[in-house]
């Protein structure tokens, strides 16, 4: 996923959080969670009304004007309606705390500057935790607002638009959680790739500290086979490549006999060394040697 896609996803998550916050705020302040009507077939006088999480309003004769005094009606609000309102306020505060978190995440993605104010790991865990808990609280708001609403047989209760907006808040919260999960997944994949031996601790590297010097035996080879300061070397052979490619060197080595051969081996052993000492301690050869000793 490119940097542009990461930025767009972060901005999309921020917009979703703002939308959920505004929707939840509207449901907490309205009086249209449900509407009720008195059942005249059971001998009740005609009465209509509606209520929210905090307020009850009724309309009845003889004046047929709306009155929001709960003492003027026999209708009783659901038992856990105020509990639903308290949970809704907590959910609203959680969404409010998610706004700066998503904003910070979006700024870091747009500017490509991770760890601007918080560590990316801390920000990821906090975002997904708050988003997941927000889903639970949004569901609890809808559940507690509906418990016991049909306990009075003399009244008919029906859901109104604030309740359906609360269901949309739940849906938006779920989408926010999924967006946070996708962002976290992409971040951890990138974090794992960046933290696989970033300093080369376990890398097999060799150094040739005497390569700039001009050994007599290899001077002709270096002139004919320029390698820009690199030496090819295999652990199994123990010798650099290309020693037999120069006829002059071969003839010189034959004349030198065993003495030349020993000098060559000594030069190879002294000029080709491990550059990474940590790898040298854990190299395949060292592990095989330890197994053979045991």
Protein backbone atom coordinates (compact mmCIF):
# COMPACT_ATOMS: atom_id res chain seq x y z
CA UNK A 1 0.00 0.00 0.00
CA UNK A 2 1.49 3.33 -1.07
CA UNK A 3 1.96 6.39 1.09
CA UNK A 4 -0.95 8.08 -0.71
CA UNK A 5 -3.30 5.23 0.18
CA UNK A 6 -2.14 5.33 3.81
CA UNK A 7 -2.86 9.06 3.94
CA UNK A 8 -6.31 8.72 2.35
CA UNK A 9 -7.23 5.90 4.73
CA UNK A 10 -6.16 8.00 7.72
CA UNK A 11 -8.19 11.00 6.56
CA UNK A 12 -11.18 8.72 5.91
CA UNK A 13 -10.92 7.37 9.46
CA UNK A 14 -10.82 10.90 10.87
CA UNK A 15 -13.95 11.88 8.92
CA UNK A 16 -15.75 8.80 10.22
CA UNK A 17 -14.89 9.71 13.81
CA UNK A 18 -16.23 13.23 13.32
CA UNK A 19 -19.42 11.87 11.75
CA UNK A 20 -19.97 9.42 14.62
CA UNK A 21 -19.39 12.20 17.16
CA UNK A 22 -21.97 14.49 15.56
CA UNK A 23 -24.53 11.71 15.20
CA UNK A 24 -24.15 10.63 18.81
CA UNK A 25 -24.42 14.22 19.98
CA UNK A 26 -27.69 14.63 18.10
CA UNK A 27 -29.23 11.49 19.60
CA UNK A 28 -28.35 12.58 23.13
CA UNK A 29 -30.12 15.92 22.79
CA UNK A 30 -33.34 14.95 21.00
CA UNK A 31 -36.68 13.83 22.45
CA UNK A 32 -37.53 11.45 19.62
CA UNK A 33 -36.11 8.10 20.66
CA UNK A 34 -39.63 6.68 20.76
CA UNK A 35 -43.24 7.78 20.51
CA UNK A 36 -46.22 6.40 22.38
CA UNK A 37 -50.00 6.50 22.11
CA UNK A 38 -52.67 5.63 24.65
CA UNK A 39 -54.90 2.71 23.72
CA UNK A 40 -58.41 4.13 23.60
CA UNK A 41 -59.80 0.63 23.03
CA UNK A 42 -58.82 -0.16 26.63
CA UNK A 43 -60.66 2.88 27.98
CA UNK A 44 -57.68 5.26 28.11
CA UNK A 45 -58.24 8.90 27.07
CA UNK A 46 -56.58 9.89 23.83
CA UNK A 47 -52.96 10.82 24.47
CA UNK A 48 -49.86 11.00 22.31
CA UNK A 49 -46.29 11.70 23.24
CA UNK A 50 -42.62 11.11 22.62
CA UNK A 51 -39.50 10.92 24.73
CA UNK A 52 -35.74 11.04 24.58
CA UNK A 53 -33.02 9.97 26.96
CA UNK A 54 -33.78 12.82 29.33
CA UNK A 55 -37.17 14.35 28.47
CA UNK A 56 -40.78 13.21 28.11
CA UNK A 57 -43.32 15.25 26.14
CA UNK A 58 -47.06 14.57 25.81
CA UNK A 59 -50.01 15.98 23.91
CA UNK A 60 -53.55 15.47 25.23
CA UNK A 61 -56.88 17.21 25.57
CA UNK A 62 -58.59 19.40 26.09
CA UNK A 63 -56.01 21.91 24.85
CA UNK A 64 -53.91 19.49 22.72
CA UNK A 65 -50.72 21.37 23.34
CA UNK A 66 -47.37 19.71 23.87
CA UNK A 67 -46.30 19.58 27.48
CA UNK A 68 -42.87 18.27 28.56
CA UNK A 69 -43.76 17.85 32.22
CA UNK A 70 -43.55 14.13 33.10
CA UNK A 71 -46.05 14.61 35.94
CA UNK A 72 -48.88 15.36 33.49
CA UNK A 73 -49.07 11.81 32.13
CA UNK A 74 -49.47 8.25 33.37
CA UNK A 75 -46.90 6.96 30.91
CA UNK A 76 -43.74 5.72 32.59
CA UNK A 77 -40.35 5.95 30.92
CA UNK A 78 -38.29 2.77 30.43
CA UNK A 79 -36.37 1.77 33.52
CA UNK A 80 -32.82 2.12 32.17
CA UNK A 81 -33.33 5.16 29.97
CA UNK A 82 -31.13 7.43 32.07
CA UNK A 83 -28.47 4.70 32.26
CA UNK A 84 -28.52 4.71 28.47
CA UNK A 85 -28.01 8.47 28.52
CA UNK A 86 -25.00 8.20 30.85
CA UNK A 87 -23.44 5.52 28.67
CA UNK A 88 -24.11 7.73 25.65
CA UNK A 89 -22.19 10.59 27.27
CA UNK A 90 -19.25 8.26 27.97
CA UNK A 91 -19.36 7.09 24.37
CA UNK A 92 -19.39 10.70 23.21
CA UNK A 93 -16.29 11.46 25.29
CA UNK A 94 -14.52 8.42 23.87
CA UNK A 95 -15.24 9.59 20.34
CA UNK A 96 -13.98 13.02 21.34
CA UNK A 97 -10.72 11.49 22.55
CA UNK A 98 -10.45 9.55 19.30
CA UNK A 99 -10.50 12.77 17.24
CA UNK A 100 -6.98 13.97 18.25
CA UNK A 101 -5.63 10.42 17.97
CA UNK A 102 -6.90 10.04 14.42
CA UNK A 103 -5.79 13.59 13.59
CA UNK A 104 -2.27 12.88 14.82
CA UNK A 105 -2.17 9.61 12.90
CA UNK A 106 -3.34 11.33 9.71
CA UNK A 107 -0.74 14.11 10.10
CA UNK A 108 2.02 11.55 10.58
CA UNK A 109 0.95 9.65 7.46
CA UNK A 110 0.62 12.80 5.33
CA UNK A 111 3.98 14.23 6.43
CA UNK A 112 5.57 10.77 6.53
CA UNK A 113 6.88 11.56 10.01
CA UNK A 114 6.12 8.65 12.37
CA UNK A 115 6.55 9.33 16.07
CA UNK A 116 5.72 13.02 15.75
CA UNK A 117 4.19 13.30 19.24
CA UNK A 118 3.57 9.70 20.31
CA UNK A 119 5.33 6.49 19.45
CA UNK A 120 3.58 4.77 16.52
CA UNK A 121 3.21 1.57 18.55
CA UNK A 122 1.49 3.40 21.42
CA UNK A 123 -0.72 5.34 19.02
CA UNK A 124 -1.82 2.19 17.19
CA UNK A 125 -2.72 0.30 20.36
CA UNK A 126 -4.57 3.29 21.82
CA UNK A 127 -6.58 3.92 18.65
CA UNK A 128 -7.77 0.35 18.17
CA UNK A 129 -8.59 -0.01 21.89
CA UNK A 130 -10.68 3.18 22.04
CA UNK A 131 -12.45 2.32 18.77
CA UNK A 132 -13.34 -1.19 19.94
CA UNK A 133 -14.65 0.00 23.31
CA UNK A 134 -16.67 2.70 21.52
CA UNK A 135 -18.52 0.02 19.57
CA UNK A 136 -19.48 -1.73 22.80
CA UNK A 137 -20.72 1.49 24.41
CA UNK A 138 -22.74 2.45 21.32
CA UNK A 139 -24.48 -0.93 21.40
CA UNK A 140 -25.20 -0.58 25.11
CA UNK A 141 -26.86 2.79 24.51
CA UNK A 142 -29.37 1.23 22.11
CA UNK A 143 -29.98 -1.79 24.36
CA UNK A 144 -30.60 0.10 27.60
CA UNK A 145 -32.85 2.62 25.83
CA UNK A 146 -35.12 -0.23 24.70
CA UNK A 147 -35.32 -2.28 27.89
CA UNK A 148 -38.82 -2.15 29.40
CA UNK A 149 -40.41 0.16 26.86
CA UNK A 150 -43.42 -2.13 26.30
CA UNK A 151 -44.13 -2.94 29.93
CA UNK A 152 -47.34 -0.83 29.95
CA UNK A 153 -50.17 -2.52 28.13
CA UNK A 154 -52.21 0.70 28.04
CA UNK A 155 -49.74 2.35 25.67
CA UNK A 156 -48.33 1.50 22.28
CA UNK A 157 -44.65 2.38 21.83
CA UNK A 158 -42.85 2.69 18.50
CA UNK A 159 -39.26 3.60 17.64
CA UNK A 160 -38.51 7.05 16.28
CA UNK A 161 -35.67 8.51 14.20
CA UNK A 162 -33.20 9.07 17.07
CA UNK A 163 -33.08 5.33 17.72
CA UNK A 164 -32.32 4.61 14.07
CA UNK A 165 -29.59 7.24 14.11
CA UNK A 166 -28.11 5.38 17.09
CA UNK A 167 -27.99 2.23 14.96
CA UNK A 168 -26.13 4.19 12.30
CA UNK A 169 -23.69 5.33 15.02
CA UNK A 170 -23.03 1.67 15.80
CA UNK A 171 -22.39 0.96 12.12
CA UNK A 172 -19.99 3.91 11.82
CA UNK A 173 -18.16 2.80 14.96
CA UNK A 174 -17.70 -0.67 13.48
CA UNK A 175 -16.28 0.83 10.27
CA UNK A 176 -13.93 3.01 12.34
CA UNK A 177 -12.69 -0.10 14.15
CA UNK A 178 -12.10 -1.88 10.84
CA UNK A 179 -10.18 1.11 9.48
CA UNK A 180 -8.02 1.19 12.61
CA UNK A 181 -7.42 -2.55 12.29
CA UNK A 182 -6.30 -2.17 8.66
CA UNK A 183 -4.02 0.73 9.59
CA UNK A 184 -2.54 -1.27 12.45
CA UNK A 185 -2.02 -4.31 10.24
CA UNK A 186 -0.16 -2.27 7.63
CA UNK A 187 1.90 -0.55 10.31
CA UNK A 188 2.96 -3.80 12.00
CA UNK A 189 3.89 -5.36 8.66
CA UNK A 190 6.07 -2.36 7.89
CA UNK A 191 7.44 -2.34 11.45
CA UNK A 192 8.44 -6.01 11.20
CA UNK A 193 10.18 -5.47 7.86
CA UNK A 194 12.12 -2.50 9.22
CA UNK A 195 13.16 -4.32 12.38
CA UNK A 196 14.55 -7.47 10.77
CA UNK A 197 18.22 -6.93 11.62
CA UNK A 198 18.33 -3.16 10.87
CA UNK A 199 21.96 -2.90 12.04
CA UNK A 200 23.24 -6.02 10.33
CA UNK A 201 23.91 -7.85 13.60
CA UNK A 202 23.49 -11.26 12.01
CA UNK A 203 24.80 -10.42 8.55
CA UNK A 204 27.79 -12.33 7.14
CA UNK A 205 30.27 -9.68 6.05
CA UNK A 206 33.98 -9.83 5.37
CA UNK A 207 36.69 -7.21 5.37
CA UNK A 208 40.07 -7.09 3.63
CA UNK A 209 42.08 -4.58 5.66
CA UNK A 210 45.29 -5.10 3.64
CA UNK A 211 43.67 -4.86 0.23
CA UNK A 212 45.07 -1.38 -0.47
CA UNK A 213 48.59 -2.66 0.03
CA UNK A 214 50.46 -4.21 -2.91
CA UNK A 215 51.56 -7.77 -2.13
CA UNK A 216 54.23 -8.88 -4.55
CA UNK A 217 52.59 -12.15 -5.38
CA UNK A 218 49.16 -10.71 -6.23
CA UNK A 219 50.15 -7.38 -7.81
CA UNK A 220 49.85 -8.67 -11.40
CA UNK A 221 46.50 -10.27 -10.68
CA UNK A 222 45.10 -7.04 -9.26
CA UNK A 223 46.23 -5.09 -12.31
CA UNK A 224 44.64 -7.56 -14.74
CA UNK A 225 41.45 -8.24 -12.76
CA UNK A 226 40.16 -4.98 -11.33
CA UNK A 227 37.27 -5.56 -8.93
CA UNK A 228 36.87 -2.07 -7.48
CA UNK A 229 38.15 -3.09 -4.07
CA UNK A 230 36.11 -6.29 -3.68
CA UNK A 231 37.26 -9.85 -3.07
CA UNK A 232 35.05 -12.86 -3.76
CA UNK A 233 35.42 -15.43 -1.03
CA UNK A 234 33.66 -18.67 -0.06
CA UNK A 235 33.78 -20.17 3.40
CA UNK A 236 34.10 -23.74 2.12
CA UNK A 237 37.12 -23.13 -0.11
CA UNK A 238 38.95 -20.70 2.12
CA UNK A 239 40.51 -18.89 -0.87
CA UNK A 240 39.53 -15.91 -3.00
CA UNK A 241 38.47 -16.55 -6.58
CA UNK A 242 40.84 -15.92 -9.44
CA UNK A 243 44.18 -17.06 -8.04
CA UNK A 244 44.76 -19.43 -10.94
CA UNK A 245 43.63 -17.04 -13.67
CA UNK A 246 47.02 -15.42 -14.18
CA UNK A 247 49.63 -17.62 -15.87
CA UNK A 248 52.45 -15.44 -14.60
CA UNK A 249 51.29 -15.88 -11.05
CA UNK A 250 50.93 -19.63 -11.57
CA UNK A 251 54.45 -19.97 -12.91
CA UNK A 252 55.80 -17.88 -10.06
CA UNK A 253 53.96 -20.01 -7.53
CA UNK A 254 55.30 -23.22 -9.06
CA UNK A 255 58.84 -21.93 -8.79
CA UNK A 256 58.36 -20.87 -5.21
CA UNK A 257 57.19 -24.38 -4.28
CA UNK A 258 55.97 -25.11 -0.82
CA UNK A 259 57.30 -21.84 0.52
CA UNK A 260 55.19 -19.83 -1.93
CA UNK A 261 52.14 -21.93 -1.11
CA UNK A 262 52.54 -21.38 2.61
CA UNK A 263 53.03 -17.64 2.06
CA UNK A 264 49.86 -17.54 -0.01
CA UNK A 265 47.83 -19.35 2.63
CA UNK A 266 49.24 -17.08 5.29
CA UNK A 267 48.35 -14.01 3.23
CA UNK A 268 44.79 -15.25 2.63
CA UNK A 269 44.28 -16.00 6.30
CA UNK A 270 45.59 -12.62 7.36
CA UNK A 271 43.86 -10.46 4.76
CA UNK A 272 40.35 -11.99 4.74
CA UNK A 273 38.66 -11.57 8.10
CA UNK A 274 35.13 -11.23 9.44
CA UNK A 275 33.98 -7.63 9.61
CA UNK A 276 30.97 -8.54 11.74
CA UNK A 277 32.33 -10.06 14.93
CA UNK A 278 28.85 -10.90 16.18
CA UNK A 279 28.22 -13.04 13.12
CA UNK A 280 31.60 -14.68 13.55
CA UNK A 281 30.51 -15.94 16.96
CA UNK A 282 27.27 -17.37 15.52
CA UNK A 283 28.43 -18.34 12.04
CA UNK A 284 27.59 -21.77 10.57
CA UNK A 285 31.23 -22.82 10.88
CA UNK A 286 31.33 -21.87 14.56
CA UNK A 287 28.10 -23.77 15.23
CA UNK A 288 29.38 -26.86 13.43
CA UNK A 289 32.63 -26.67 15.39
CA UNK A 290 30.77 -26.45 18.70
CA UNK A 291 28.59 -29.42 17.76
CA UNK A 292 31.63 -31.49 16.81
CA UNK A 293 33.37 -30.63 20.10
CA UNK A 294 30.33 -31.76 22.07
